N, C-alpha and C. Protein backbone atom coordinates (compact mmCIF):
# COMPACT_ATOMS: atom_id res chain seq x y z
N MET A 1 0.85 -1.18 0.00
CA MET A 1 0.00 0.00 0.00
C MET A 1 0.89 1.24 0.00
N PRO A 2 0.61 2.19 -0.90
CA PRO A 2 1.44 3.41 -0.92
C PRO A 2 1.22 4.24 0.33
N GLU A 3 2.21 5.02 0.63
CA GLU A 3 2.09 5.94 1.76
C GLU A 3 1.07 7.02 1.39
N TRP A 4 0.42 7.57 2.43
CA TRP A 4 -0.60 8.60 2.18
C TRP A 4 -0.02 9.76 1.38
N LYS A 5 1.21 10.15 1.64
CA LYS A 5 1.81 11.29 0.94
C LYS A 5 1.99 11.01 -0.55
N ASP A 6 1.95 9.74 -0.95
CA ASP A 6 2.09 9.38 -2.36
C ASP A 6 0.80 9.55 -3.14
N PHE A 7 -0.33 9.73 -2.45
CA PHE A 7 -1.60 9.88 -3.14
C PHE A 7 -1.68 11.26 -3.77
N LYS A 8 -2.30 11.32 -4.92
CA LYS A 8 -2.52 12.60 -5.59
C LYS A 8 -3.34 13.51 -4.67
N HIS A 9 -2.94 14.74 -4.55
CA HIS A 9 -3.61 15.76 -3.73
C HIS A 9 -3.59 15.41 -2.25
N ALA A 10 -2.58 14.72 -1.79
CA ALA A 10 -2.54 14.26 -0.40
C ALA A 10 -2.57 15.39 0.62
N ASN A 11 -2.02 16.54 0.31
CA ASN A 11 -1.95 17.61 1.30
C ASN A 11 -2.60 18.91 0.83
N CYS A 12 -3.55 18.82 -0.09
CA CYS A 12 -4.12 20.03 -0.66
C CYS A 12 -5.22 20.64 0.20
N CYS A 13 -5.81 19.87 1.10
CA CYS A 13 -6.89 20.42 1.91
C CYS A 13 -6.95 19.73 3.26
N PRO A 14 -7.61 20.34 4.23
CA PRO A 14 -7.65 19.77 5.58
C PRO A 14 -8.26 18.37 5.65
N CYS A 15 -9.17 18.02 4.75
CA CYS A 15 -9.79 16.69 4.85
C CYS A 15 -8.76 15.59 4.64
N HIS A 16 -7.68 15.87 3.93
CA HIS A 16 -6.65 14.86 3.71
C HIS A 16 -5.64 14.82 4.84
N THR A 17 -5.33 15.95 5.41
CA THR A 17 -4.29 15.98 6.43
C THR A 17 -4.83 15.63 7.81
N THR A 18 -6.14 15.68 7.99
CA THR A 18 -6.73 15.33 9.29
C THR A 18 -7.69 14.16 9.15
N ARG A 19 -7.46 13.29 8.20
CA ARG A 19 -8.36 12.18 7.95
C ARG A 19 -8.40 11.23 9.14
N LYS A 20 -9.50 10.55 9.27
CA LYS A 20 -9.64 9.55 10.32
C LYS A 20 -8.83 8.32 9.93
N LEU A 21 -8.41 7.57 10.91
CA LEU A 21 -7.67 6.33 10.65
C LEU A 21 -8.61 5.19 10.32
N ALA A 22 -9.83 5.22 10.89
CA ALA A 22 -10.80 4.16 10.65
C ALA A 22 -12.20 4.71 10.79
N TYR A 23 -13.14 4.03 10.14
CA TYR A 23 -14.54 4.46 10.10
C TYR A 23 -15.45 3.33 10.54
N THR A 24 -16.57 3.69 11.16
CA THR A 24 -17.62 2.71 11.38
C THR A 24 -18.20 2.39 10.00
N ILE A 25 -19.01 1.36 9.93
CA ILE A 25 -19.62 1.01 8.64
C ILE A 25 -20.48 2.17 8.13
N ASP A 26 -21.25 2.79 9.01
CA ASP A 26 -22.09 3.92 8.58
C ASP A 26 -21.24 5.10 8.10
N GLU A 27 -20.15 5.40 8.81
CA GLU A 27 -19.27 6.50 8.39
C GLU A 27 -18.60 6.20 7.06
N ALA A 28 -18.12 4.96 6.89
CA ALA A 28 -17.47 4.58 5.64
C ALA A 28 -18.44 4.66 4.47
N ALA A 29 -19.66 4.20 4.68
CA ALA A 29 -20.68 4.25 3.63
C ALA A 29 -20.96 5.70 3.23
N GLU A 30 -21.11 6.57 4.22
CA GLU A 30 -21.37 7.98 3.93
C GLU A 30 -20.18 8.61 3.22
N ARG A 31 -18.99 8.24 3.64
CA ARG A 31 -17.76 8.81 3.06
C ARG A 31 -17.65 8.50 1.57
N VAL A 32 -18.04 7.29 1.15
CA VAL A 32 -17.91 6.91 -0.26
C VAL A 32 -19.21 7.02 -1.04
N GLY A 33 -20.32 7.34 -0.36
CA GLY A 33 -21.57 7.57 -1.07
C GLY A 33 -22.35 6.31 -1.42
N VAL A 34 -22.24 5.29 -0.59
CA VAL A 34 -23.02 4.07 -0.79
C VAL A 34 -23.78 3.76 0.49
N SER A 35 -24.63 2.77 0.44
CA SER A 35 -25.42 2.43 1.63
C SER A 35 -24.61 1.53 2.57
N PRO A 36 -24.89 1.61 3.86
CA PRO A 36 -24.26 0.69 4.80
C PRO A 36 -24.57 -0.78 4.44
N ARG A 37 -25.75 -1.01 3.90
CA ARG A 37 -26.13 -2.37 3.49
C ARG A 37 -25.18 -2.91 2.42
N LEU A 38 -24.83 -2.07 1.44
CA LEU A 38 -23.91 -2.49 0.39
C LEU A 38 -22.53 -2.80 0.98
N LEU A 39 -22.05 -1.95 1.89
CA LEU A 39 -20.75 -2.22 2.51
C LEU A 39 -20.78 -3.52 3.31
N ARG A 40 -21.87 -3.76 4.04
CA ARG A 40 -21.98 -5.01 4.80
C ARG A 40 -21.95 -6.22 3.87
N ALA A 41 -22.61 -6.10 2.72
CA ALA A 41 -22.60 -7.19 1.74
C ALA A 41 -21.18 -7.44 1.22
N HIS A 42 -20.44 -6.38 0.99
CA HIS A 42 -19.06 -6.53 0.51
C HIS A 42 -18.16 -7.08 1.62
N LEU A 43 -18.45 -6.73 2.87
CA LEU A 43 -17.73 -7.33 3.99
C LEU A 43 -18.02 -8.83 4.08
N ASP A 44 -19.29 -9.19 3.92
CA ASP A 44 -19.69 -10.60 3.99
C ASP A 44 -19.04 -11.42 2.88
N ARG A 45 -18.82 -10.79 1.72
CA ARG A 45 -18.20 -11.49 0.59
C ARG A 45 -16.67 -11.37 0.60
N HIS A 46 -16.14 -10.71 1.61
CA HIS A 46 -14.69 -10.52 1.77
C HIS A 46 -14.07 -9.67 0.68
N TYR A 47 -14.88 -8.79 0.06
CA TYR A 47 -14.33 -7.81 -0.88
C TYR A 47 -13.71 -6.65 -0.11
N LEU A 48 -14.17 -6.47 1.10
CA LEU A 48 -13.74 -5.39 1.98
C LEU A 48 -13.47 -6.04 3.34
N VAL A 49 -12.42 -5.59 4.01
CA VAL A 49 -12.03 -6.20 5.29
C VAL A 49 -12.23 -5.20 6.43
N ALA A 50 -12.86 -5.67 7.49
CA ALA A 50 -13.03 -4.85 8.69
C ALA A 50 -12.07 -5.34 9.76
N ARG A 51 -11.72 -4.46 10.65
CA ARG A 51 -10.99 -4.78 11.87
C ARG A 51 -12.01 -4.66 13.00
N TYR A 52 -11.70 -5.22 14.14
CA TYR A 52 -12.67 -5.20 15.24
C TYR A 52 -12.08 -4.60 16.50
N VAL A 53 -12.79 -3.64 17.06
CA VAL A 53 -12.50 -3.09 18.38
C VAL A 53 -13.53 -3.75 19.28
N ASN A 54 -13.07 -4.75 20.03
CA ASN A 54 -13.97 -5.65 20.75
C ASN A 54 -14.91 -6.27 19.72
N SER A 55 -16.19 -5.97 19.74
CA SER A 55 -17.10 -6.54 18.75
C SER A 55 -17.53 -5.53 17.69
N LYS A 56 -16.97 -4.32 17.74
CA LYS A 56 -17.38 -3.27 16.81
C LYS A 56 -16.49 -3.27 15.56
N PRO A 57 -17.09 -3.47 14.37
CA PRO A 57 -16.28 -3.44 13.16
C PRO A 57 -15.92 -2.02 12.77
N VAL A 58 -14.68 -1.84 12.36
CA VAL A 58 -14.22 -0.57 11.80
C VAL A 58 -13.47 -0.87 10.52
N ILE A 59 -13.51 0.06 9.60
CA ILE A 59 -12.83 -0.09 8.31
C ILE A 59 -11.75 0.97 8.25
N THR A 60 -10.51 0.54 8.05
CA THR A 60 -9.42 1.51 7.99
C THR A 60 -9.51 2.34 6.71
N HIS A 61 -8.96 3.52 6.79
CA HIS A 61 -8.96 4.40 5.61
C HIS A 61 -8.27 3.72 4.43
N GLU A 62 -7.14 3.09 4.70
CA GLU A 62 -6.39 2.43 3.63
C GLU A 62 -7.19 1.30 3.00
N GLU A 63 -7.89 0.52 3.82
CA GLU A 63 -8.72 -0.56 3.29
C GLU A 63 -9.84 -0.01 2.42
N LEU A 64 -10.44 1.09 2.85
CA LEU A 64 -11.52 1.71 2.08
C LEU A 64 -11.00 2.21 0.73
N VAL A 65 -9.84 2.84 0.73
CA VAL A 65 -9.24 3.31 -0.52
C VAL A 65 -8.91 2.14 -1.44
N GLU A 66 -8.33 1.08 -0.87
CA GLU A 66 -8.00 -0.10 -1.68
C GLU A 66 -9.25 -0.73 -2.28
N TRP A 67 -10.31 -0.84 -1.47
CA TRP A 67 -11.58 -1.39 -1.96
C TRP A 67 -12.11 -0.56 -3.12
N LEU A 68 -12.09 0.77 -2.96
CA LEU A 68 -12.57 1.65 -4.03
C LEU A 68 -11.73 1.47 -5.29
N ASN A 69 -10.43 1.40 -5.14
CA ASN A 69 -9.54 1.25 -6.29
C ASN A 69 -9.72 -0.08 -7.00
N ASN A 70 -10.27 -1.08 -6.32
CA ASN A 70 -10.47 -2.40 -6.93
C ASN A 70 -11.88 -2.62 -7.48
N LEU A 71 -12.74 -1.63 -7.34
CA LEU A 71 -14.09 -1.76 -7.92
C LEU A 71 -14.01 -1.73 -9.43
N PRO A 72 -14.98 -2.34 -10.11
CA PRO A 72 -14.97 -2.33 -11.58
C PRO A 72 -15.05 -0.91 -12.12
N THR A 73 -14.48 -0.70 -13.28
CA THR A 73 -14.52 0.61 -13.92
C THR A 73 -15.70 0.75 -14.88
N GLU A 74 -16.42 -0.35 -15.08
CA GLU A 74 -17.62 -0.34 -15.93
C GLU A 74 -18.80 -0.87 -15.14
N PRO A 75 -20.01 -0.35 -15.39
CA PRO A 75 -21.18 -0.87 -14.67
C PRO A 75 -21.50 -2.30 -15.10
N LYS A 76 -22.17 -3.02 -14.21
CA LYS A 76 -22.58 -4.40 -14.53
C LYS A 76 -23.78 -4.39 -15.45
């Protein structure tokens, strides 16, 4: 995984320099503009990986970026 500073526009605005390290499923869904249900389905299919704080799933920023980068470029 590339370092955050290697991403295009990594330091152009506060949202990039103060980003969260991990998101709840609801936060991650809102961040990328999809439903929490869709993210849960992708977690269930192991397309996306969650980490657990006790029993609470969180999705790291890097995992979310990797998931987005691996989505198809054409609609089904």
